[in-house]
PDB file of N, CA and C in Angstrom:
ATOM      1  N   MET A   1      53.389-106.442  77.671  1.00  0.00           N
ATOM      2  CA  MET A   1      54.133-105.064  77.898  1.00  0.00           C
ATOM      3  C   MET A   1      52.919-103.894  77.218  1.00  0.00           C
ATOM      4  N   ASN A   2      52.655-104.541  75.707  1.00  0.00           N
ATOM      5  CA  ASN A   2      51.921-103.666  74.846  1.00  0.00           C
ATOM      6  C   ASN A   2      50.535-103.436  75.263  1.00  0.00           C
ATOM      7  N   GLU A   3      49.711-104.126  76.106  1.00  0.00           N
ATOM      8  CA  GLU A   3      48.510-103.998  76.723  1.00  0.00           C
ATOM      9  C   GLU A   3      48.981-103.075  77.713  1.00  0.00           C
ATOM     10  N   GLN A   4      49.941-103.080  78.416  1.00  0.00           N
ATOM     11  CA  GLN A   4      49.780-102.279  79.882  1.00  0.00           C
ATOM     12  C   GLN A   4      49.887-100.609  79.102  1.00  0.00           C
ATOM     13  N   ILE A   5      50.944-100.536  77.831  1.00  0.00           N
ATOM     14  CA  ILE A   5      50.997 -99.360  77.656  1.00  0.00           C
ATOM     15  C   ILE A   5      49.781 -98.768  76.798  1.00  0.00           C
ATOM     16  N   ARG A   6      49.101 -99.648  76.200  1.00  0.00           N
ATOM     17  CA  ARG A   6      48.044 -99.044  75.628  1.00  0.00           C
ATOM     18  C   ARG A   6      46.788 -98.891  76.687  1.00  0.00           C
ATOM     19  N   GLY A   7      46.919 -99.241  77.588  1.00  0.00           N
ATOM     20  CA  GLY A   7      45.831 -99.048  78.973  1.00  0.00           C
ATOM     21  C   GLY A   7      46.195 -97.823  79.605  1.00  0.00           C
ATOM     22  N   TYR A   8      47.205 -97.174  79.371  1.00  0.00           N
ATOM     23  CA  TYR A   8      47.725 -96.247  80.339  1.00  0.00           C
ATOM     24  C   TYR A   8      47.284 -94.818  79.656  1.00  0.00           C
ATOM     25  N   PRO A   9      46.536 -94.503  78.576  1.00  0.00           N
ATOM     26  CA  PRO A   9      45.829 -93.028  78.339  1.00  0.00           C
ATOM     27  C   PRO A   9      44.185 -93.109  78.898  1.00  0.00           C
ATOM     28  N   ALA A  10      43.939 -94.277  79.261  1.00  0.00           N
ATOM     29  CA  ALA A  10      42.572 -94.630  79.747  1.00  0.00           C
ATOM     30  C   ALA A  10      42.656 -94.214  81.439  1.00  0.00           C
ATOM     31  N   TYR A  11      44.073 -94.742  81.657  1.00  0.00           N
ATOM     32  CA  TYR A  11      43.976 -94.961  83.258  1.00  0.00           C
ATOM     33  C   TYR A  11      44.614 -93.010  83.692  1.00  0.00           C
ATOM     34  N   TYR A  12      45.400 -92.494  82.850  1.00  0.00           N
ATOM     35  CA  TYR A  12      45.381 -91.328  83.222  1.00  0.00           C
ATOM     36  C   TYR A  12      44.593 -90.129  82.958  1.00  0.00           C
ATOM     37  N   LYS A  13      43.350 -90.603  82.076  1.00  0.00           N
ATOM     38  CA  LYS A  13      41.958 -89.771  82.147  1.00  0.00           C
ATOM     39  C   LYS A  13      41.428 -89.750  82.931  1.00  0.00           C
ATOM     40  N   THR A  14      41.719 -90.520  84.006  1.00  0.00           N
ATOM     41  CA  THR A  14      40.814 -90.722  85.248  1.00  0.00           C
ATOM     42  C   THR A  14      41.635 -90.069  86.795  1.00  0.00           C
ATOM     43  N   THR A  15      42.934 -90.559  86.058  1.00  0.00           N
ATOM     44  CA  THR A  15      43.982 -89.533  87.071  1.00  0.00           C
ATOM     45  C   THR A  15      44.727 -88.512  86.857  1.00  0.00           C
ATOM     46  N   SER A  16      44.658 -87.413  86.265  1.00  0.00           N
ATOM     47  CA  SER A  16      45.537 -86.249  85.624  1.00  0.00           C
ATOM     48  C   SER A  16      46.475 -85.992  86.353  1.00  0.00           C
ATOM     49  N   VAL A  17      46.370 -85.473  87.929  1.00  0.00           N
ATOM     50  CA  VAL A  17      47.116 -85.169  88.660  1.00  0.00           C
ATOM     51  C   VAL A  17      48.145 -86.319  88.846  1.00  0.00           C
ATOM     52  N   ASN A  18      48.099 -87.522  89.159  1.00  0.00           N
ATOM     53  CA  ASN A  18      48.868 -88.360  88.859  1.00  0.00           C
ATOM     54  C   ASN A  18      49.912 -88.934  88.067  1.00  0.00           C
ATOM     55  N   LYS A  19      49.254 -88.318  86.724  1.00  0.00           N
ATOM     56  CA  LYS A  19      50.101 -87.916  85.689  1.00  0.00           C
ATOM     57  C   LYS A  19      51.274 -87.235  85.803  1.00  0.00           C
ATOM     58  N   ILE A  20      50.654 -85.950  86.200  1.00  0.00           N
ATOM     59  CA  ILE A  20      51.944 -84.445  86.259  1.00  0.00           C
ATOM     60  C   ILE A  20      52.563 -85.062  87.361  1.00  0.00           C
ATOM     61  N   CYS A  21      52.436 -85.886  88.527  1.00  0.00           N
ATOM     62  CA  CYS A  21      53.355 -86.037  89.654  1.00  0.00           C
ATOM     63  C   CYS A  21      54.527 -87.177  88.996  1.00  0.00           C
ATOM     64  N   HIS A  22      53.707 -87.998  88.026  1.00  0.00           N
ATOM     65  CA  HIS A  22      54.775 -89.449  87.211  1.00  0.00           C
ATOM     66  C   HIS A  22      55.713 -88.381  86.279  1.00  0.00           C
ATOM     67  N   LEU A  23      55.376 -87.424  85.763  1.00  0.00           N
ATOM     68  CA  LEU A  23      56.062 -86.956  84.884  1.00  0.00           C
ATOM     69  C   LEU A  23      57.111 -85.949  85.473  1.00  0.00           C
ATOM     70  N   PHE A  24      56.767 -85.468  86.549  1.00  0.00           N
ATOM     71  CA  PHE A  24      57.752 -84.443  87.473  1.00  0.00           C
ATOM     72  C   PHE A  24      59.077 -85.710  87.946  1.00  0.00           C
ATOM     73  N   LEU A  25      58.549 -86.670  88.351  1.00  0.00           N
ATOM     74  CA  LEU A  25      59.473 -87.720  89.117  1.00  0.00           C
ATOM     75  C   LEU A  25      60.241 -87.853  88.063  1.00  0.00           C
ATOM     76  N   ILE A  26      59.685 -88.313  86.799  1.00  0.00           N
ATOM     77  CA  ILE A  26      60.667 -89.050  85.424  1.00  0.00           C
ATOM     78  C   ILE A  26      61.713 -87.776  85.300  1.00  0.00           C
ATOM     79  N   LEU A  27      60.769 -86.484  85.033  1.00  0.00           N
ATOM     80  CA  LEU A  27      61.817 -85.137  84.725  1.00  0.00           C
ATOM     81  C   LEU A  27      62.942 -85.280  85.926  1.00  0.00           C
ATOM     82  N   MET A  28      63.031 -85.383  87.159  1.00  0.00           N
ATOM     83  CA  MET A  28      64.019 -85.064  88.513  1.00  0.00           C
ATOM     84  C   MET A  28      64.933 -86.437  88.191  1.00  0.00           C
ATOM     85  N   LEU A  29      64.591 -87.440  88.035  1.00  0.00           N
ATOM     86  CA  LEU A  29      65.432 -88.450  87.769  1.00  0.00           C
ATOM     87  C   LEU A  29      66.124 -88.461  86.657  1.00  0.00           C
ATOM     88  N   PHE A  30      65.737 -88.205  85.609  1.00  0.00           N
ATOM     89  CA  PHE A  30      66.530 -87.438  84.766  1.00  0.00           C
ATOM     90  C   PHE A  30      67.528 -86.475  84.737  1.00  0.00           C
ATOM     91  N   TYR A  31      67.118 -85.788  85.223  1.00  0.00           N
ATOM     92  CA  TYR A  31      68.178 -84.358  85.575  1.00  0.00           C
ATOM     93  C   TYR A  31      69.040 -85.113  86.696  1.00  0.00           C
ATOM     94  N   LEU A  32      68.887 -85.790  87.978  1.00  0.00           N
ATOM     95  CA  LEU A  32      69.617 -86.257  88.489  1.00  0.00           C
ATOM     96  C   LEU A  32      70.916 -87.107  88.140  1.00  0.00           C
ATOM     97  N   THR A  33      70.706 -88.082  87.116  1.00  0.00           N
ATOM     98  CA  THR A  33      71.189 -88.845  86.447  1.00  0.00           C
ATOM     99  C   THR A  33      71.899 -87.924  85.311  1.00  0.00           C
ATOM    100  N   LYS A  34      71.650 -86.748  84.679  1.00  0.00           N
ATOM    101  CA  LYS A  34      72.311 -86.070  83.955  1.00  0.00           C
ATOM    102  C   LYS A  34      73.478 -85.551  85.053  1.00  0.00           C
ATOM    103  N   ILE A  35      73.186 -84.767  85.929  1.00  0.00           N
ATOM    104  CA  ILE A  35      73.982 -83.989  87.088  1.00  0.00           C
ATOM    105  C   ILE A  35      74.872 -84.779  87.613  1.00  0.00           C
ATOM    106  N   ASN A  36      74.841 -86.256  87.546  1.00  0.00           N
ATOM    107  CA  ASN A  36      76.152 -87.494  87.922  1.00  0.00           C
ATOM    108  C   ASN A  36      76.958 -87.787  87.059  1.00  0.00           C
ATOM    109  N   LEU A  37      76.409 -87.726  85.493  1.00  0.00           N
ATOM    110  CA  LEU A  37      77.043 -88.156  84.402  1.00  0.00           C
ATOM    111  C   LEU A  37      77.899 -87.127  84.404  1.00  0.00           C
ATOM    112  N   PHE A  38      77.408 -85.581  84.416  1.00  0.00           N
ATOM    113  CA  PHE A  38      78.204 -84.496  84.674  1.00  0.00           C
ATOM    114  C   PHE A  38      79.326 -84.599  85.816  1.00  0.00           C
ATOM    115  N   THR A  39      79.227 -84.279  86.794  1.00  0.00           N
ATOM    116  CA  THR A  39      79.903 -84.492  87.586  1.00  0.00           C
ATOM    117  C   THR A  39      81.214 -85.663  87.555  1.00  0.00           C
ATOM    118  N   GLU A  40      80.538 -86.726  87.458  1.00  0.00           N
ATOM    119  CA  GLU A  40      81.643 -87.873  86.792  1.00  0.00           C
ATOM    120  C   GLU A  40      82.825 -87.608  85.806  1.00  0.00           C
ATOM    121  N   SER A  41      82.105 -87.060  84.658  1.00  0.00           N
ATOM    122  CA  SER A  41      82.744 -86.642  83.754  1.00  0.00           C
ATOM    123  C   SER A  41      84.079 -85.550  83.829  1.00  0.00           C
ATOM    124  N   SER A  42      83.272 -84.472  84.547  1.00  0.00           N
ATOM    125  CA  SER A  42      84.328 -83.478  85.264  1.00  0.00           C
ATOM    126  C   SER A  42      85.656 -83.793  86.093  1.00  0.00           C
ATOM    127  N   CYS A  43      85.075 -84.743  87.187  1.00  0.00           N
ATOM    128  CA  CYS A  43      85.615 -84.925  87.912  1.00  0.00           C
ATOM    129  C   CYS A  43      87.200 -86.192  87.468  1.00  0.00           C
ATOM    130  N   THR A  44      86.581 -87.075  86.766  1.00  0.00           N
ATOM    131  CA  THR A  44      88.006 -87.538  85.949  1.00  0.00           C
ATOM    132  C   THR A  44      88.437 -87.103  85.147  1.00  0.00           C
TER     133      THR A  44
END
């Protein structure tokens, strides 16, 4: 696991566009889960 995390910076240096897309997907998933939690709490 640590080796994989250590290898990320070098991997992302070659694919900066992939990094942006990856961060965007993480943000989208984060917002979707926040919206889902908010709607669930408001519905109950």
